C-alpha atoms as a PDB file:
ATOM      1  CA  UNK A   1     108.735 -49.122 -11.618  1.00  0.00           C
ATOM      2  CA  UNK A   2     105.282 -47.654 -11.119  1.00  0.00           C
ATOM      3  CA  UNK A   3     103.686 -45.734 -13.996  1.00  0.00           C
ATOM      4  CA  UNK A   4     100.575 -43.627 -14.404  1.00  0.00           C
ATOM      5  CA  UNK A   5      98.945 -43.965 -17.838  1.00  0.00           C
ATOM      6  CA  UNK A   6      96.221 -41.508 -18.826  1.00  0.00           C
ATOM      7  CA  UNK A   7      94.424 -41.013 -22.120  1.00  0.00           C
ATOM      8  CA  UNK A   8      91.365 -41.901 -24.165  1.00  0.00           C
ATOM      9  CA  UNK A   9      90.506 -45.181 -25.873  1.00  0.00           C
ATOM     10  CA  UNK A  10      90.340 -45.240 -29.674  1.00  0.00           C
ATOM     11  CA  UNK A  11      87.177 -47.348 -29.870  1.00  0.00           C
ATOM     12  CA  UNK A  12      84.914 -45.680 -27.295  1.00  0.00           C
ATOM     13  CA  UNK A  13      86.695 -42.464 -26.339  1.00  0.00           C
ATOM     14  CA  UNK A  14      86.536 -43.462 -22.672  1.00  0.00           C
ATOM     15  CA  UNK A  15      88.911 -41.614 -20.371  1.00  0.00           C
ATOM     16  CA  UNK A  16      91.537 -43.834 -18.747  1.00  0.00           C
ATOM     17  CA  UNK A  17      93.692 -43.142 -15.699  1.00  0.00           C
ATOM     18  CA  UNK A  18      95.526 -46.325 -14.687  1.00  0.00           C
ATOM     19  CA  UNK A  19      98.440 -47.014 -12.334  1.00  0.00           C
ATOM     20  CA  UNK A  20     100.551 -50.076 -13.240  1.00  0.00           C
ATOM     21  CA  UNK A  21     103.874 -51.624 -12.279  1.00  0.00           C
ATOM     22  CA  UNK A  22     106.052 -52.279 -15.337  1.00  0.00           C
ATOM     23  CA  UNK A  23     109.653 -52.455 -16.497  1.00  0.00           C
ATOM     24  CA  UNK A  24     109.367 -49.409 -18.784  1.00  0.00           C
ATOM     25  CA  UNK A  25     106.875 -47.086 -20.475  1.00  0.00           C
ATOM     26  CA  UNK A  26     106.247 -49.434 -23.410  1.00  0.00           C
ATOM     27  CA  UNK A  27     105.299 -52.279 -21.138  1.00  0.00           C
ATOM     28  CA  UNK A  28     103.091 -49.965 -19.097  1.00  0.00           C
ATOM     29  CA  UNK A  29     101.280 -48.897 -22.265  1.00  0.00           C
ATOM     30  CA  UNK A  30     100.838 -52.513 -23.416  1.00  0.00           C
ATOM     31  CA  UNK A  31      99.395 -53.520 -20.051  1.00  0.00           C
ATOM     32  CA  UNK A  32      96.841 -50.710 -20.123  1.00  0.00           C
ATOM     33  CA  UNK A  33      95.962 -51.187 -23.812  1.00  0.00           C
ATOM     34  CA  UNK A  34      95.482 -54.923 -23.276  1.00  0.00           C
ATOM     35  CA  UNK A  35      93.040 -54.139 -20.494  1.00  0.00           C
ATOM     36  CA  UNK A  36      91.130 -51.204 -21.970  1.00  0.00           C
ATOM     37  CA  UNK A  37      91.953 -51.206 -25.691  1.00  0.00           C
ATOM     38  CA  UNK A  38      94.325 -49.084 -27.763  1.00  0.00           C
ATOM     39  CA  UNK A  39      94.715 -45.486 -26.607  1.00  0.00           C
ATOM     40  CA  UNK A  40      94.616 -42.421 -28.823  1.00  0.00           C
ATOM     41  CA  UNK A  41      97.815 -40.654 -29.779  1.00  0.00           C
ATOM     42  CA  UNK A  42      98.951 -38.169 -27.147  1.00  0.00           C
ATOM     43  CA  UNK A  43      98.289 -40.358 -24.123  1.00  0.00           C
ATOM     44  CA  UNK A  44     100.444 -39.536 -21.094  1.00  0.00           C
ATOM     45  CA  UNK A  45     102.740 -42.079 -19.418  1.00  0.00           C
ATOM     46  CA  UNK A  46     104.443 -40.806 -16.270  1.00  0.00           C
ATOM     47  CA  UNK A  47     106.681 -42.600 -13.798  1.00  0.00           C
ATOM     48  CA  UNK A  48     105.538 -42.486 -10.178  1.00  0.00           C
ATOM     49  CA  UNK A  49     108.203 -42.102  -7.530  1.00  0.00           C
ATOM     50  CA  UNK A  50     107.810 -43.028  -3.868  1.00  0.00           C
ATOM     51  CA  UNK A  51     109.674 -41.667  -0.869  1.00  0.00           C
ATOM     52  CA  UNK A  52     109.548 -43.153   2.611  1.00  0.00           C
ATOM     53  CA  UNK A  53     109.472 -40.933   5.627  1.00  0.00           C
ATOM     54  CA  UNK A  54     107.894 -37.995   3.829  1.00  0.00           C
ATOM     55  CA  UNK A  55     107.252 -36.279   7.117  1.00  0.00           C
ATOM     56  CA  UNK A  56     110.937 -35.362   7.116  1.00  0.00           C
ATOM     57  CA  UNK A  57     110.736 -33.871   3.623  1.00  0.00           C
ATOM     58  CA  UNK A  58     107.488 -31.856   3.338  1.00  0.00           C
ATOM     59  CA  UNK A  59     108.742 -29.953   0.314  1.00  0.00           C
ATOM     60  CA  UNK A  60     108.719 -32.989  -1.981  1.00  0.00           C
ATOM     61  CA  UNK A  61     105.008 -32.555  -2.661  1.00  0.00           C
ATOM     62  CA  UNK A  62     105.749 -29.501  -4.800  1.00  0.00           C
ATOM     63  CA  UNK A  63     108.386 -28.592  -7.318  1.00  0.00           C
ATOM     64  CA  UNK A  64     110.659 -25.666  -6.510  1.00  0.00           C
ATOM     65  CA  UNK A  65     108.767 -23.555  -9.051  1.00  0.00           C
ATOM     66  CA  UNK A  66     105.422 -24.103  -7.317  1.00  0.00           C
ATOM     67  CA  UNK A  67     104.352 -22.392  -4.090  1.00  0.00           C
ATOM     68  CA  UNK A  68     103.491 -24.556  -1.098  1.00  0.00           C
ATOM     69  CA  UNK A  69      99.814 -23.959  -0.370  1.00  0.00           C
ATOM     70  CA  UNK A  70      97.545 -25.758   2.054  1.00  0.00           C
ATOM     71  CA  UNK A  71      94.393 -27.186   0.513  1.00  0.00           C
ATOM     72  CA  UNK A  72      92.289 -24.748   2.512  1.00  0.00           C
ATOM     73  CA  UNK A  73      94.234 -21.810   1.054  1.00  0.00           C
ATOM     74  CA  UNK A  74      93.746 -23.087  -2.507  1.00  0.00           C
ATOM     75  CA  UNK A  75      89.988 -23.365  -1.958  1.00  0.00           C
ATOM     76  CA  UNK A  76      89.848 -19.946  -0.301  1.00  0.00           C
ATOM     77  CA  UNK A  77      91.636 -18.208  -3.193  1.00  0.00           C
ATOM     78  CA  UNK A  78      89.454 -20.045  -5.731  1.00  0.00           C
ATOM     79  CA  UNK A  79      86.361 -18.740  -3.942  1.00  0.00           C
ATOM     80  CA  UNK A  80      87.803 -15.209  -4.068  1.00  0.00           C
ATOM     81  CA  UNK A  81      88.435 -15.593  -7.821  1.00  0.00           C
ATOM     82  CA  UNK A  82      84.829 -16.694  -8.362  1.00  0.00           C
ATOM     83  CA  UNK A  83      83.515 -13.681  -6.476  1.00  0.00           C
ATOM     84  CA  UNK A  84      85.994 -11.389  -8.288  1.00  0.00           C
ATOM     85  CA  UNK A  85      87.554 -10.430  -4.938  1.00  0.00           C
ATOM     86  CA  UNK A  86      90.988 -12.026  -5.363  1.00  0.00           C
ATOM     87  CA  UNK A  87      93.959  -9.669  -5.198  1.00  0.00           C
ATOM     88  CA  UNK A  88      96.652  -9.691  -7.872  1.00  0.00           C
ATOM     89  CA  UNK A  89      99.006 -11.376  -5.373  1.00  0.00           C
ATOM     90  CA  UNK A  90      96.464 -14.105  -4.568  1.00  0.00           C
ATOM     91  CA  UNK A  91      95.701 -14.767  -8.208  1.00  0.00           C
ATOM     92  CA  UNK A  92      99.404 -14.913  -9.067  1.00  0.00           C
ATOM     93  CA  UNK A  93      99.957 -17.419  -6.260  1.00  0.00           C
ATOM     94  CA  UNK A  94      97.012 -19.519  -7.457  1.00  0.00           C
ATOM     95  CA  UNK A  95      98.301 -19.367 -11.055  1.00  0.00           C
ATOM     96  CA  UNK A  96     101.827 -20.371 -10.088  1.00  0.00           C
ATOM     97  CA  UNK A  97     100.464 -23.264  -8.013  1.00  0.00           C
ATOM     98  CA  UNK A  98      98.613 -24.843 -10.952  1.00  0.00           C
ATOM     99  CA  UNK A  99     100.847 -23.737 -13.853  1.00  0.00           C
ATOM    100  CA  UNK A 100     103.110 -26.855 -13.878  1.00  0.00           C
ATOM    101  CA  UNK A 101     100.045 -29.127 -14.047  1.00  0.00           C
ATOM    102  CA  UNK A 102      98.429 -27.033 -16.784  1.00  0.00           C
ATOM    103  CA  UNK A 103     101.601 -26.705 -18.887  1.00  0.00           C
ATOM    104  CA  UNK A 104     102.192 -30.456 -18.750  1.00  0.00           C
ATOM    105  CA  UNK A 105      98.614 -31.152 -19.834  1.00  0.00           C
ATOM    106  CA  UNK A 106      98.881 -28.687 -22.729  1.00  0.00           C
ATOM    107  CA  UNK A 107     102.138 -30.268 -23.867  1.00  0.00           C
ATOM    108  CA  UNK A 108     100.452 -33.681 -24.100  1.00  0.00           C
ATOM    109  CA  UNK A 109      96.978 -32.770 -25.355  1.00  0.00           C
ATOM    110  CA  UNK A 110      97.146 -29.531 -27.337  1.00  0.00           C
ATOM    111  CA  UNK A 111      99.033 -29.598 -30.614  1.00  0.00           C
ATOM    112  CA  UNK A 112      98.913 -28.251 -34.179  1.00  0.00           C
ATOM    113  CA  UNK A 113      96.135 -25.777 -33.319  1.00  0.00           C
ATOM    114  CA  UNK A 114      97.193 -22.295 -34.397  1.00  0.00           C
ATOM    115  CA  UNK A 115      94.133 -20.071 -33.851  1.00  0.00           C
ATOM    116  CA  UNK A 116      94.750 -19.662 -30.117  1.00  0.00           C
ATOM    117  CA  UNK A 117      98.008 -19.365 -28.196  1.00  0.00           C
ATOM    118  CA  UNK A 118      99.083 -21.713 -25.421  1.00  0.00           C
ATOM    119  CA  UNK A 119      99.257 -18.671 -23.118  1.00  0.00           C
ATOM    120  CA  UNK A 120      95.545 -18.014 -23.723  1.00  0.00           C
ATOM    121  CA  UNK A 121      94.756 -21.673 -23.080  1.00  0.00           C
ATOM    122  CA  UNK A 122      96.704 -21.531 -19.798  1.00  0.00           C
ATOM    123  CA  UNK A 123      94.697 -18.509 -18.637  1.00  0.00           C
ATOM    124  CA  UNK A 124      91.404 -20.179 -19.573  1.00  0.00           C
ATOM    125  CA  UNK A 125      92.311 -23.406 -17.782  1.00  0.00           C
ATOM    126  CA  UNK A 126      93.425 -21.611 -14.611  1.00  0.00           C
ATOM    127  CA  UNK A 127      90.105 -19.757 -14.641  1.00  0.00           C
ATOM    128  CA  UNK A 128      88.228 -23.031 -15.224  1.00  0.00           C
ATOM    129  CA  UNK A 129      90.008 -24.638 -12.262  1.00  0.00           C
ATOM    130  CA  UNK A 130      88.845 -21.847  -9.964  1.00  0.00           C
ATOM    131  CA  UNK A 131      85.335 -21.389 -11.321  1.00  0.00           C
ATOM    132  CA  UNK A 132      84.233 -24.847 -12.496  1.00  0.00           C
ATOM    133  CA  UNK A 133      86.498 -27.672 -11.320  1.00  0.00           C
ATOM    134  CA  UNK A 134      87.203 -26.830  -7.671  1.00  0.00           C
ATOM    135  CA  UNK A 135      83.504 -26.244  -6.802  1.00  0.00           C
ATOM    136  CA  UNK A 136      82.850 -29.853  -7.901  1.00  0.00           C
ATOM    137  CA  UNK A 137      85.507 -31.350  -5.613  1.00  0.00           C
ATOM    138  CA  UNK A 138      83.935 -33.741  -3.078  1.00  0.00           C
ATOM    139  CA  UNK A 139      86.935 -34.715  -0.971  1.00  0.00           C
ATOM    140  CA  UNK A 140      89.905 -32.443  -0.511  1.00  0.00           C
ATOM    141  CA  UNK A 141      92.354 -35.276   0.073  1.00  0.00           C
ATOM    142  CA  UNK A 142      92.484 -36.153  -3.644  1.00  0.00           C
ATOM    143  CA  UNK A 143      91.495 -32.855  -5.182  1.00  0.00           C
ATOM    144  CA  UNK A 144      94.726 -32.398  -7.221  1.00  0.00           C
ATOM    145  CA  UNK A 145      94.155 -35.681  -9.064  1.00  0.00           C
ATOM    146  CA  UNK A 146      90.533 -34.658  -9.674  1.00  0.00           C
ATOM    147  CA  UNK A 147      91.670 -31.289 -11.067  1.00  0.00           C
ATOM    148  CA  UNK A 148      94.291 -32.958 -13.288  1.00  0.00           C
ATOM    149  CA  UNK A 149      91.709 -35.320 -14.801  1.00  0.00           C
ATOM    150  CA  UNK A 150      89.367 -32.405 -15.500  1.00  0.00           C
ATOM    151  CA  UNK A 151      92.134 -30.329 -17.080  1.00  0.00           C
ATOM    152  CA  UNK A 152      93.089 -33.177 -19.432  1.00  0.00           C
ATOM    153  CA  UNK A 153      89.436 -33.843 -20.261  1.00  0.00           C
ATOM    154  CA  UNK A 154      88.781 -30.161 -20.973  1.00  0.00           C
ATOM    155  CA  UNK A 155      91.768 -29.951 -23.307  1.00  0.00           C
ATOM    156  CA  UNK A 156      90.729 -33.051 -25.223  1.00  0.00           C
ATOM    157  CA  UNK A 157      87.198 -31.747 -25.775  1.00  0.00           C
ATOM    158  CA  UNK A 158      88.479 -28.347 -26.851  1.00  0.00           C
ATOM    159  CA  UNK A 159      91.025 -29.890 -29.205  1.00  0.00           C
ATOM    160  CA  UNK A 160      88.324 -31.923 -30.940  1.00  0.00           C
ATOM    161  CA  UNK A 161      86.104 -28.842 -31.282  1.00  0.00           C
ATOM    162  CA  UNK A 162      88.994 -26.785 -32.679  1.00  0.00           C
ATOM    163  CA  UNK A 163      90.271 -29.502 -34.988  1.00  0.00           C
ATOM    164  CA  UNK A 164      87.029 -30.656 -36.570  1.00  0.00           C
ATOM    165  CA  UNK A 165      83.683 -29.233 -37.644  1.00  0.00           C
ATOM    166  CA  UNK A 166      80.725 -30.414 -35.555  1.00  0.00           C
ATOM    167  CA  UNK A 167      82.786 -33.368 -34.342  1.00  0.00           C
ATOM    168  CA  UNK A 168      82.900 -34.777 -37.879  1.00  0.00           C
ATOM    169  CA  UNK A 169      86.500 -35.849 -38.410  1.00  0.00           C
ATOM    170  CA  UNK A 170      86.059 -35.783 -42.185  1.00  0.00           C
ATOM    171  CA  UNK A 171      85.735 -31.984 -42.091  1.00  0.00           C
ATOM    172  CA  UNK A 172      88.874 -30.227 -40.915  1.00  0.00           C
ATOM    173  CA  UNK A 173      88.574 -26.692 -39.591  1.00  0.00           C
ATOM    174  CA  UNK A 174      91.875 -25.653 -41.172  1.00  0.00           C
ATOM    175  CA  UNK A 175      90.355 -25.435 -44.659  1.00  0.00           C
ATOM    176  CA  UNK A 176      87.487 -23.346 -43.343  1.00  0.00           C
ATOM    177  CA  UNK A 177      89.875 -21.036 -41.479  1.00  0.00           C
ATOM    178  CA  UNK A 178      91.944 -20.411 -44.610  1.00  0.00           C
ATOM    179  CA  UNK A 179      88.768 -19.850 -46.604  1.00  0.00           C
ATOM    180  CA  UNK A 180      87.415 -17.281 -44.159  1.00  0.00           C
ATOM    181  CA  UNK A 181      90.700 -15.405 -43.920  1.00  0.00           C
ATOM    182  CA  UNK A 182      90.520 -14.885 -47.689  1.00  0.00           C
ATOM    183  CA  UNK A 183      86.868 -13.857 -47.612  1.00  0.00           C
ATOM    184  CA  UNK A 184      87.343 -11.381 -44.782  1.00  0.00           C
ATOM    185  CA  UNK A 185      90.039  -9.358 -46.547  1.00  0.00           C
ATOM    186  CA  UNK A 186      88.687  -5.795 -46.595  1.00  0.00           C
ATOM    187  CA  UNK A 187      89.142  -3.675 -49.716  1.00  0.00           C
ATOM    188  CA  UNK A 188      89.550   0.098 -49.590  1.00  0.00           C
ATOM    189  CA  UNK A 189      86.019   0.532 -50.986  1.00  0.00           C
ATOM    190  CA  UNK A 190      84.617  -1.468 -48.104  1.00  0.00           C
ATOM    191  CA  UNK A 191      86.019   0.971 -45.536  1.00  0.00           C
ATOM    192  CA  UNK A 192      82.783   2.894 -45.956  1.00  0.00           C
ATOM    193  CA  UNK A 193      80.877   2.539 -42.614  1.00  0.00           C
ATOM    194  CA  UNK A 194      77.666   1.395 -44.299  1.00  0.00           C
ATOM    195  CA  UNK A 195      79.409  -1.267 -46.390  1.00  0.00           C
ATOM    196  CA  UNK A 196      81.544  -2.334 -43.428  1.00  0.00           C
ATOM    197  CA  UNK A 197      78.455  -2.709 -41.250  1.00  0.00           C
ATOM    198  CA  UNK A 198      76.811  -4.844 -43.915  1.00  0.00           C
ATOM    199  CA  UNK A 199      79.963  -6.982 -44.124  1.00  0.00           C
ATOM    200  CA  UNK A 200      79.869  -7.489 -40.340  1.00  0.00           C
ATOM    201  CA  UNK A 201      76.319  -8.814 -40.549  1.00  0.00           C
ATOM    202  CA  UNK A 202      77.182 -10.995 -43.545  1.00  0.00           C
ATOM    203  CA  UNK A 203      80.177 -12.466 -41.658  1.00  0.00           C
ATOM    204  CA  UNK A 204      78.126 -13.290 -38.545  1.00  0.00           C
ATOM    205  CA  UNK A 205      75.403 -14.802 -40.709  1.00  0.00           C
ATOM    206  CA  UNK A 206      77.951 -17.071 -42.410  1.00  0.00           C
ATOM    207  CA  UNK A 207      79.487 -18.068 -39.073  1.00  0.00           C
ATOM    208  CA  UNK A 208      76.089 -19.079 -37.761  1.00  0.00           C
ATOM    209  CA  UNK A 209      75.264 -21.025 -40.930  1.00  0.00           C
ATOM    210  CA  UNK A 210      78.538 -22.972 -40.657  1.00  0.00           C
ATOM    211  CA  UNK A 211      78.254 -23.358 -36.861  1.00  0.00           C
ATOM    212  CA  UNK A 212      81.812 -22.218 -36.259  1.00  0.00           C
ATOM    213  CA  UNK A 213      83.767 -19.562 -34.392  1.00  0.00           C
ATOM    214  CA  UNK A 214      86.319 -17.000 -35.451  1.00  0.00           C
ATOM    215  CA  UNK A 215      89.977 -17.958 -35.293  1.00  0.00           C
ATOM    216  CA  UNK A 216      92.507 -15.787 -33.456  1.00  0.00           C
ATOM    217  CA  UNK A 217      93.625 -14.091 -36.682  1.00  0.00           C
ATOM    218  CA  UNK A 218      90.038 -13.623 -37.810  1.00  0.00           C
ATOM    219  CA  UNK A 219      89.188 -11.939 -34.497  1.00  0.00           C
ATOM    220  CA  UNK A 220      91.904  -9.330 -35.039  1.00  0.00           C
ATOM    221  CA  UNK A 221      90.413  -8.591 -38.440  1.00  0.00           C
ATOM    222  CA  UNK A 222      86.755  -8.741 -37.379  1.00  0.00           C
ATOM    223  CA  UNK A 223      86.918  -6.735 -34.148  1.00  0.00           C
ATOM    224  CA  UNK A 224      89.958  -4.590 -34.888  1.00  0.00           C
ATOM    225  CA  UNK A 225      89.226  -3.588 -38.506  1.00  0.00           C
ATOM    226  CA  UNK A 226      85.462  -4.027 -38.808  1.00  0.00           C
ATOM    227  CA  UNK A 227      83.691  -3.582 -35.460  1.00  0.00           C
ATOM    228  CA  UNK A 228      85.810  -0.935 -33.689  1.00  0.00           C
ATOM    229  CA  UNK A 229      86.315   1.506 -36.608  1.00  0.00           C
ATOM    230  CA  UNK A 230      82.539   2.044 -36.919  1.00  0.00           C
ATOM    231  CA  UNK A 231      81.917   1.983 -33.152  1.00  0.00           C
ATOM    232  CA  UNK A 232      79.507  -0.932 -33.433  1.00  0.00           C
ATOM    233  CA  UNK A 233      80.814  -2.438 -30.189  1.00  0.00           C
ATOM    234  CA  UNK A 234      79.289   0.427 -28.192  1.00  0.00           C
ATOM    235  CA  UNK A 235      75.930  -0.371 -29.729  1.00  0.00           C
ATOM    236  CA  UNK A 236      76.237  -4.059 -28.857  1.00  0.00           C
ATOM    237  CA  UNK A 237      77.770  -3.860 -25.373  1.00  0.00           C
ATOM    238  CA  UNK A 238      76.476  -2.427 -22.104  1.00  0.00           C
ATOM    239  CA  UNK A 239      79.432  -3.190 -19.829  1.00  0.00           C
ATOM    240  CA  UNK A 240      82.131  -0.464 -19.801  1.00  0.00           C
ATOM    241  CA  UNK A 241      84.653  -3.113 -18.687  1.00  0.00           C
ATOM    242  CA  UNK A 242      83.939  -5.229 -21.763  1.00  0.00           C
ATOM    243  CA  UNK A 243      84.157  -2.189 -24.029  1.00  0.00           C
ATOM    244  CA  UNK A 244      87.499  -1.186 -22.520  1.00  0.00           C
ATOM    245  CA  UNK A 245      88.953  -4.700 -22.774  1.00  0.00           C
ATOM    246  CA  UNK A 246      87.896  -4.990 -26.421  1.00  0.00           C
ATOM    247  CA  UNK A 247      89.283  -1.564 -27.362  1.00  0.00           C
ATOM    248  CA  UNK A 248      92.630  -2.110 -25.659  1.00  0.00           C
ATOM    249  CA  UNK A 249      93.161  -5.650 -26.980  1.00  0.00           C
ATOM    250  CA  UNK A 250      91.907  -5.098 -30.553  1.00  0.00           C
ATOM    251  CA  UNK A 251      92.035  -1.350 -31.139  1.00  0.00           C
ATOM    252  CA  UNK A 252      94.741   0.870 -32.555  1.00  0.00           C
ATOM    253  CA  UNK A 253      98.086   0.148 -30.876  1.00  0.00           C
ATOM    254  CA  UNK A 254      96.541  -3.016 -29.388  1.00  0.00           C
ATOM    255  CA  UNK A 255      98.211  -4.498 -26.321  1.00  0.00           C
ATOM    256  CA  UNK A 256      98.229  -8.005 -24.847  1.00  0.00           C
ATOM    257  CA  UNK A 257      95.915  -9.159 -22.077  1.00  0.00           C
ATOM    258  CA  UNK A 258      98.836  -9.208 -19.632  1.00  0.00           C
ATOM    259  CA  UNK A 259      99.807  -5.622 -20.543  1.00  0.00           C
ATOM    260  CA  UNK A 260      96.193  -4.532 -20.257  1.00  0.00           C
ATOM    261  CA  UNK A 261      95.853  -6.161 -16.834  1.00  0.00           C
ATOM    262  CA  UNK A 262      98.973  -4.378 -15.599  1.00  0.00           C
ATOM    263  CA  UNK A 263      97.744  -1.060 -16.977  1.00  0.00           C
ATOM    264  CA  UNK A 264      94.285  -1.380 -15.399  1.00  0.00           C
ATOM    265  CA  UNK A 265      95.447  -2.942 -12.135  1.00  0.00           C
ATOM    266  CA  UNK A 266      93.404  -6.113 -12.744  1.00  0.00           C
ATOM    267  CA  UNK A 267      94.261  -9.787 -13.132  1.00  0.00           C
ATOM    268  CA  UNK A 268      94.843 -11.180 -16.612  1.00  0.00           C
ATOM    269  CA  UNK A 269      91.947 -13.577 -16.000  1.00  0.00           C
ATOM    270  CA  UNK A 270      89.593 -10.615 -15.464  1.00  0.00           C
ATOM    271  CA  UNK A 271      90.743  -8.915 -18.675  1.00  0.00           C
ATOM    272  CA  UNK A 272      90.501 -12.197 -20.582  1.00  0.00           C
ATOM    273  CA  UNK A 273      86.977 -12.849 -19.281  1.00  0.00           C
ATOM    274  CA  UNK A 274      85.800  -9.325 -20.142  1.00  0.00           C
ATOM    275  CA  UNK A 275      87.292  -9.584 -23.647  1.00  0.00           C
ATOM    276  CA  UNK A 276      85.746 -12.991 -24.331  1.00  0.00           C
ATOM    277  CA  UNK A 277      82.353 -11.894 -22.997  1.00  0.00           C
ATOM    278  CA  UNK A 278      82.522  -8.801 -25.184  1.00  0.00           C
ATOM    279  CA  UNK A 279      83.219 -10.983 -28.242  1.00  0.00           C
ATOM    280  CA  UNK A 280      80.333 -13.341 -27.427  1.00  0.00           C
ATOM    281  CA  UNK A 281      77.890 -10.528 -26.625  1.00  0.00           C
ATOM    282  CA  UNK A 282      78.634  -8.713 -29.885  1.00  0.00           C
ATOM    283  CA  UNK A 283      77.957 -11.838 -31.942  1.00  0.00           C
ATOM    284  CA  UNK A 284      74.810 -12.617 -29.937  1.00  0.00           C
ATOM    285  CA  UNK A 285      73.508  -9.041 -30.360  1.00  0.00           C
ATOM    286  CA  UNK A 286      74.059  -9.082 -34.124  1.00  0.00           C
ATOM    287  CA  UNK A 287      72.429 -12.506 -34.460  1.00  0.00           C
ATOM    288  CA  UNK A 288      69.325 -11.427 -32.548  1.00  0.00           C
ATOM    289  CA  UNK A 289      68.932  -7.996 -34.163  1.00  0.00           C
ATOM    290  CA  UNK A 290      70.076  -8.394 -37.755  1.00  0.00           C
ATOM    291  CA  UNK A 291      70.027 -12.032 -38.862  1.00  0.00           C
ATOM    292  CA  UNK A 292      66.300 -12.173 -39.396  1.00  0.00           C
ATOM    293  CA  UNK A 293      65.955 -11.718 -43.181  1.00  0.00           C
ATOM    294  CA  UNK A 294      63.296  -9.030 -42.896  1.00  0.00           C
ATOM    295  CA  UNK A 295      65.259  -7.050 -40.299  1.00  0.00           C
ATOM    296  CA  UNK A 296      68.421  -7.279 -42.346  1.00  0.00           C
ATOM    297  CA  UNK A 297      66.746  -6.086 -45.551  1.00  0.00           C
ATOM    298  CA  UNK A 298      65.044  -3.206 -43.720  1.00  0.00           C
ATOM    299  CA  UNK A 299      68.321  -2.260 -42.069  1.00  0.00           C
ATOM    300  CA  UNK A 300      70.249  -2.260 -45.339  1.00  0.00           C
ATOM    301  CA  UNK A 301      67.478  -0.284 -47.028  1.00  0.00           C
ATOM    302  CA  UNK A 302      67.562   2.397 -44.340  1.00  0.00           C
ATOM    303  CA  UNK A 303      71.340   2.597 -44.620  1.00  0.00           C
ATOM    304  CA  UNK A 304      71.133   3.377 -48.325  1.00  0.00           C
END
């Protein structure tokens, strides 16, 4: 049988995508590891089937759950997504086309990370395919394999960033996440707008010092119970779309990105992008305006 083995080497971290003929998956793995070195846990080994006379069976290129799209149509919709001109129907078709590939990659390369849902990862990867991967395609004849390699590579890099601190495998992020969840618990006394504003600045300062990002649970606490109640997001953000996405996804009676997209008549990718940009812009604004020691002390003095 023919097998496709993909993964990363333990010694060098090099990405491997090798096709071999073997009796079973174990032999396929041994053949690749003998050639390139031992692969990291989570490598993918898939059997490759062949069918003669494919001109009589055009549907075999896609599973029944995936739409049949010509390459030109895939590139055209991706261009529309990049220019924010894709309709909901086009985006849904594009999403359905790549979902099987993305789900399979997530199943193999994204595990034991609990600060972001697989649904959010799927949305981000679909957006990355349209905005970053497809524009780099040189030849359309092999573009699906190119996209698959990029999806797997993206997941691996993200997993390492989520799992460890600064790439140092001796420092797990899980301990830091638990620590921050405890520190960010807000007491009734701290509901005061002045104290809450000071806590926001202190939190961002600590995040910058540790070179880390908020987890999913921390975001609900930070934006939903610290930023929004004092209206600080309107000070930090200029885009009404980002403000709306943040308020609907983190505010009182918060809804999901999918529900928000349906309510606003937008794609989930658009809502997701606006929400993420709002999060990043708020942190960037606070860093630039308040993290200088003199500015922070002046600000706190004026507040008192």
